[in-house]
Amino acid sequence: MSPVSDAALSERVATLIAVLHTPGCPHVEQTRALLRSCLAELRLEAPIEDREGSYPSPTILVNGVDVMGRTDLQGAMCRLDLPTREHVLAALTR
């Protein structure tokens, strides 16, 4: 992946990011670390909202959209399709 230019960074609009997870999810820390790593790689600074509750867990939303492209998951469940670096980077650069 090519580095992001300074001009491209200055043209970005505010990005809303949320991590959704159930209490005690064993994958949420790994997911948070992945998200922070992707933000650093792209040199983006954005607040990350952490939502604990009855969600497919873990889920990363960027501007309200699941980075894995799923729209059919609802309620508390352990996800088998954990967010990937490629999906997170793609969502953050849309």
N, C-alpha and C. Protein backbone atom coordinates (compact mmCIF):
# COMPACT_ATOMS: atom_id res chain seq x y z
N MET A 1 0.85 -1.17 0.00
CA MET A 1 0.00 0.00 0.00
C MET A 1 0.89 1.23 0.00
N SER A 2 0.57 2.22 -0.83
CA SER A 2 1.38 3.43 -0.90
C SER A 2 1.05 4.36 0.25
N PRO A 3 2.03 5.17 0.67
CA PRO A 3 1.77 6.10 1.76
C PRO A 3 0.76 7.15 1.34
N VAL A 4 0.06 7.69 2.31
CA VAL A 4 -0.95 8.71 2.06
C VAL A 4 -0.25 10.07 2.01
N SER A 5 -0.55 10.87 1.00
CA SER A 5 0.09 12.18 0.88
C SER A 5 -0.48 13.15 1.90
N ASP A 6 0.29 14.20 2.21
CA ASP A 6 -0.18 15.23 3.14
C ASP A 6 -1.42 15.92 2.59
N ALA A 7 -1.48 16.13 1.28
CA ALA A 7 -2.65 16.78 0.68
C ALA A 7 -3.89 15.93 0.88
N ALA A 8 -3.75 14.61 0.70
CA ALA A 8 -4.90 13.72 0.88
C ALA A 8 -5.36 13.74 2.32
N LEU A 9 -4.41 13.81 3.26
CA LEU A 9 -4.79 13.85 4.67
C LEU A 9 -5.55 15.12 4.99
N SER A 10 -5.16 16.24 4.43
CA SER A 10 -5.81 17.50 4.75
C SER A 10 -7.21 17.60 4.15
N GLU A 11 -7.49 16.80 3.13
CA GLU A 11 -8.79 16.84 2.49
C GLU A 11 -9.81 15.91 3.16
N ARG A 12 -9.38 15.09 4.08
CA ARG A 12 -10.28 14.14 4.74
C ARG A 12 -11.31 14.86 5.60
N VAL A 13 -12.47 14.29 5.64
CA VAL A 13 -13.51 14.81 6.52
C VAL A 13 -13.51 13.99 7.81
N ALA A 14 -14.24 14.46 8.78
CA ALA A 14 -14.30 13.76 10.07
C ALA A 14 -14.78 12.32 9.86
N THR A 15 -14.11 11.40 10.53
CA THR A 15 -14.45 9.99 10.45
C THR A 15 -14.98 9.55 11.80
N LEU A 16 -16.15 8.91 11.80
CA LEU A 16 -16.74 8.40 13.02
C LEU A 16 -16.42 6.92 13.14
N ILE A 17 -15.76 6.55 14.23
CA ILE A 17 -15.31 5.17 14.41
C ILE A 17 -15.87 4.64 15.72
N ALA A 18 -16.38 3.42 15.68
CA ALA A 18 -16.89 2.77 16.90
C ALA A 18 -16.45 1.31 16.92
N VAL A 19 -16.12 0.85 18.12
CA VAL A 19 -15.86 -0.57 18.35
C VAL A 19 -17.01 -1.09 19.19
N LEU A 20 -17.75 -2.05 18.66
CA LEU A 20 -18.88 -2.66 19.36
C LEU A 20 -18.45 -4.02 19.88
N HIS A 21 -18.83 -4.32 21.12
CA HIS A 21 -18.45 -5.62 21.67
C HIS A 21 -19.34 -6.01 22.84
N THR A 22 -19.39 -7.29 23.08
CA THR A 22 -20.11 -7.80 24.24
C THR A 22 -19.17 -7.77 25.45
N PRO A 23 -19.74 -7.76 26.66
CA PRO A 23 -18.88 -7.81 27.86
C PRO A 23 -18.04 -9.09 27.83
N GLY A 24 -16.76 -8.96 28.11
CA GLY A 24 -15.88 -10.12 28.19
C GLY A 24 -15.44 -10.71 26.87
N CYS A 25 -15.67 -10.01 25.77
CA CYS A 25 -15.27 -10.54 24.45
C CYS A 25 -13.76 -10.78 24.43
N PRO A 26 -13.32 -12.00 24.10
CA PRO A 26 -11.89 -12.30 24.11
C PRO A 26 -11.11 -11.67 22.96
N HIS A 27 -11.80 -11.09 21.98
CA HIS A 27 -11.13 -10.55 20.80
C HIS A 27 -11.12 -9.03 20.73
N VAL A 28 -11.74 -8.37 21.71
CA VAL A 28 -11.88 -6.91 21.61
C VAL A 28 -10.54 -6.18 21.73
N GLU A 29 -9.64 -6.62 22.58
CA GLU A 29 -8.35 -5.93 22.71
C GLU A 29 -7.54 -6.05 21.42
N GLN A 30 -7.54 -7.23 20.81
CA GLN A 30 -6.85 -7.43 19.53
C GLN A 30 -7.46 -6.52 18.46
N THR A 31 -8.76 -6.38 18.48
CA THR A 31 -9.46 -5.53 17.50
C THR A 31 -9.12 -4.06 17.72
N ARG A 32 -9.10 -3.62 18.97
CA ARG A 32 -8.72 -2.23 19.27
C ARG A 32 -7.28 -1.96 18.80
N ALA A 33 -6.38 -2.90 19.06
CA ALA A 33 -4.98 -2.73 18.66
C ALA A 33 -4.86 -2.65 17.14
N LEU A 34 -5.59 -3.49 16.43
CA LEU A 34 -5.60 -3.46 14.97
C LEU A 34 -6.08 -2.11 14.47
N LEU A 35 -7.15 -1.61 15.04
CA LEU A 35 -7.70 -0.33 14.63
C LEU A 35 -6.70 0.80 14.88
N ARG A 36 -6.08 0.82 16.05
CA ARG A 36 -5.08 1.86 16.36
C ARG A 36 -3.89 1.77 15.39
N SER A 37 -3.47 0.57 15.06
CA SER A 37 -2.37 0.37 14.12
C SER A 37 -2.72 0.90 12.73
N CYS A 38 -3.92 0.63 12.28
CA CYS A 38 -4.37 1.11 10.96
C CYS A 38 -4.47 2.64 10.94
N LEU A 39 -4.98 3.21 12.00
CA LEU A 39 -5.06 4.68 12.09
C LEU A 39 -3.66 5.29 12.05
N ALA A 40 -2.72 4.69 12.77
CA ALA A 40 -1.35 5.19 12.77
C ALA A 40 -0.70 5.06 11.40
N GLU A 41 -0.94 3.92 10.75
CA GLU A 41 -0.37 3.70 9.41
C GLU A 41 -0.84 4.76 8.43
N LEU A 42 -2.11 5.15 8.55
CA LEU A 42 -2.68 6.16 7.65
C LEU A 42 -2.48 7.59 8.17
N ARG A 43 -1.83 7.70 9.33
CA ARG A 43 -1.61 8.98 9.98
C ARG A 43 -2.92 9.74 10.18
N LEU A 44 -3.91 9.01 10.66
CA LEU A 44 -5.22 9.59 10.97
C LEU A 44 -5.39 9.70 12.47
N GLU A 45 -6.02 10.75 12.88
CA GLU A 45 -6.41 10.90 14.27
C GLU A 45 -7.92 11.01 14.30
N ALA A 46 -8.54 10.12 15.00
CA ALA A 46 -10.00 10.13 15.12
C ALA A 46 -10.37 9.51 16.45
N PRO A 47 -11.35 10.07 17.12
CA PRO A 47 -11.80 9.44 18.37
C PRO A 47 -12.45 8.10 18.07
N ILE A 48 -12.27 7.17 18.99
CA ILE A 48 -12.88 5.84 18.85
C ILE A 48 -13.90 5.67 19.96
N GLU A 49 -15.14 5.51 19.56
CA GLU A 49 -16.21 5.28 20.53
C GLU A 49 -16.23 3.79 20.88
N ASP A 50 -16.24 3.48 22.15
CA ASP A 50 -16.27 2.09 22.60
C ASP A 50 -17.68 1.81 23.13
N ARG A 51 -18.36 0.85 22.50
CA ARG A 51 -19.72 0.51 22.91
C ARG A 51 -19.79 -0.95 23.36
N GLU A 52 -20.06 -1.13 24.64
CA GLU A 52 -20.23 -2.48 25.18
C GLU A 52 -21.71 -2.74 25.34
N GLY A 53 -22.16 -3.88 24.84
CA GLY A 53 -23.57 -4.21 24.93
C GLY A 53 -23.90 -5.46 24.15
N SER A 54 -25.10 -5.52 23.67
CA SER A 54 -25.60 -6.68 22.94
C SER A 54 -25.35 -6.50 21.44
N TYR A 55 -24.09 -6.74 21.05
CA TYR A 55 -23.67 -6.54 19.66
C TYR A 55 -22.95 -7.78 19.14
N PRO A 56 -22.92 -7.95 17.81
CA PRO A 56 -22.01 -8.94 17.25
C PRO A 56 -20.59 -8.49 17.63
N SER A 57 -19.80 -9.36 18.20
CA SER A 57 -18.58 -8.92 18.85
C SER A 57 -17.33 -9.66 18.38
N PRO A 58 -16.28 -8.91 18.04
CA PRO A 58 -16.20 -7.46 17.97
C PRO A 58 -16.57 -6.96 16.57
N THR A 59 -17.06 -5.74 16.53
CA THR A 59 -17.42 -5.09 15.27
C THR A 59 -16.77 -3.73 15.25
N ILE A 60 -16.19 -3.36 14.11
CA ILE A 60 -15.69 -2.00 13.91
C ILE A 60 -16.60 -1.33 12.90
N LEU A 61 -17.13 -0.18 13.29
CA LEU A 61 -17.93 0.64 12.39
C LEU A 61 -17.13 1.87 12.00
N VAL A 62 -17.11 2.19 10.72
CA VAL A 62 -16.53 3.44 10.23
C VAL A 62 -17.64 4.19 9.53
N ASN A 63 -17.97 5.34 10.07
CA ASN A 63 -19.11 6.13 9.58
C ASN A 63 -20.39 5.29 9.52
N GLY A 64 -20.56 4.45 10.55
CA GLY A 64 -21.77 3.66 10.68
C GLY A 64 -21.82 2.38 9.88
N VAL A 65 -20.74 2.06 9.16
CA VAL A 65 -20.72 0.88 8.28
C VAL A 65 -19.73 -0.15 8.84
N ASP A 66 -20.18 -1.39 8.95
CA ASP A 66 -19.33 -2.50 9.41
C ASP A 66 -18.18 -2.68 8.42
N VAL A 67 -16.93 -2.65 8.91
CA VAL A 67 -15.79 -2.76 8.00
C VAL A 67 -15.75 -4.09 7.26
N MET A 68 -16.39 -5.11 7.81
CA MET A 68 -16.43 -6.41 7.16
C MET A 68 -17.58 -6.52 6.15
N GLY A 69 -18.38 -5.46 6.04
CA GLY A 69 -19.44 -5.42 5.04
C GLY A 69 -20.72 -6.14 5.43
N ARG A 70 -20.80 -6.59 6.67
CA ARG A 70 -21.99 -7.33 7.10
C ARG A 70 -23.11 -6.38 7.50
N THR A 71 -24.32 -6.70 7.09
CA THR A 71 -25.50 -5.93 7.49
C THR A 71 -26.54 -6.84 8.13
N ASP A 72 -26.26 -8.13 8.16
CA ASP A 72 -27.25 -9.11 8.60
C ASP A 72 -27.07 -9.57 10.05
N LEU A 73 -26.07 -9.07 10.76
CA LEU A 73 -25.81 -9.53 12.12
C LEU A 73 -26.50 -8.62 13.14
N GLN A 74 -27.14 -9.24 14.11
CA GLN A 74 -27.81 -8.49 15.16
C GLN A 74 -27.69 -9.24 16.47
N GLY A 75 -27.66 -8.50 17.57
CA GLY A 75 -27.64 -9.11 18.89
C GLY A 75 -26.28 -9.62 19.29
N ALA A 76 -26.19 -10.03 20.55
CA ALA A 76 -24.93 -10.51 21.11
C ALA A 76 -24.54 -11.85 20.49
N MET A 77 -23.34 -11.87 19.93
CA MET A 77 -22.79 -13.10 19.36
C MET A 77 -21.31 -12.92 19.15
N CYS A 78 -20.59 -14.01 19.15
CA CYS A 78 -19.15 -13.99 18.87
C CYS A 78 -18.99 -14.09 17.35
N ARG A 79 -18.33 -13.10 16.76
CA ARG A 79 -18.13 -13.11 15.31
C ARG A 79 -17.03 -14.08 14.92
N LEU A 80 -17.25 -14.76 13.83
CA LEU A 80 -16.22 -15.63 13.27
C LEU A 80 -15.42 -14.89 12.20
N ASP A 81 -16.01 -13.82 11.67
CA ASP A 81 -15.33 -13.00 10.65
C ASP A 81 -14.75 -11.76 11.32
N LEU A 82 -13.67 -11.96 12.06
CA LEU A 82 -13.04 -10.85 12.78
C LEU A 82 -12.53 -9.81 11.79
N PRO A 83 -12.57 -8.53 12.19
CA PRO A 83 -12.06 -7.47 11.30
C PRO A 83 -10.60 -7.74 10.93
N THR A 84 -10.29 -7.48 9.67
CA THR A 84 -8.93 -7.69 9.17
C THR A 84 -8.29 -6.35 8.86
N ARG A 85 -6.97 -6.34 8.81
CA ARG A 85 -6.21 -5.13 8.49
C ARG A 85 -6.66 -4.56 7.15
N GLU A 86 -6.79 -5.42 6.15
CA GLU A 86 -7.17 -4.98 4.81
C GLU A 86 -8.54 -4.30 4.81
N HIS A 87 -9.49 -4.90 5.52
CA HIS A 87 -10.83 -4.33 5.58
C HIS A 87 -10.87 -3.01 6.33
N VAL A 88 -10.11 -2.93 7.43
CA VAL A 88 -10.08 -1.69 8.22
C VAL A 88 -9.44 -0.57 7.41
N LEU A 89 -8.29 -0.85 6.77
CA LEU A 89 -7.64 0.18 5.95
C LEU A 89 -8.55 0.64 4.81
N ALA A 90 -9.22 -0.29 4.17
CA ALA A 90 -10.12 0.08 3.07
C ALA A 90 -11.25 0.97 3.58
N ALA A 91 -11.81 0.64 4.72
CA ALA A 91 -12.92 1.44 5.28
C ALA A 91 -12.44 2.84 5.67
N LEU A 92 -11.24 2.93 6.19
CA LEU A 92 -10.72 4.23 6.63
C LEU A 92 -10.31 5.13 5.47
N THR A 93 -10.12 4.57 4.29
CA THR A 93 -9.70 5.38 3.14
C THR A 93 -10.83 5.61 2.14
N ARG A 94 -12.03 5.19 2.47
CA ARG A 94 -13.17 5.47 1.57
C ARG A 94 -13.58 6.90 1.66
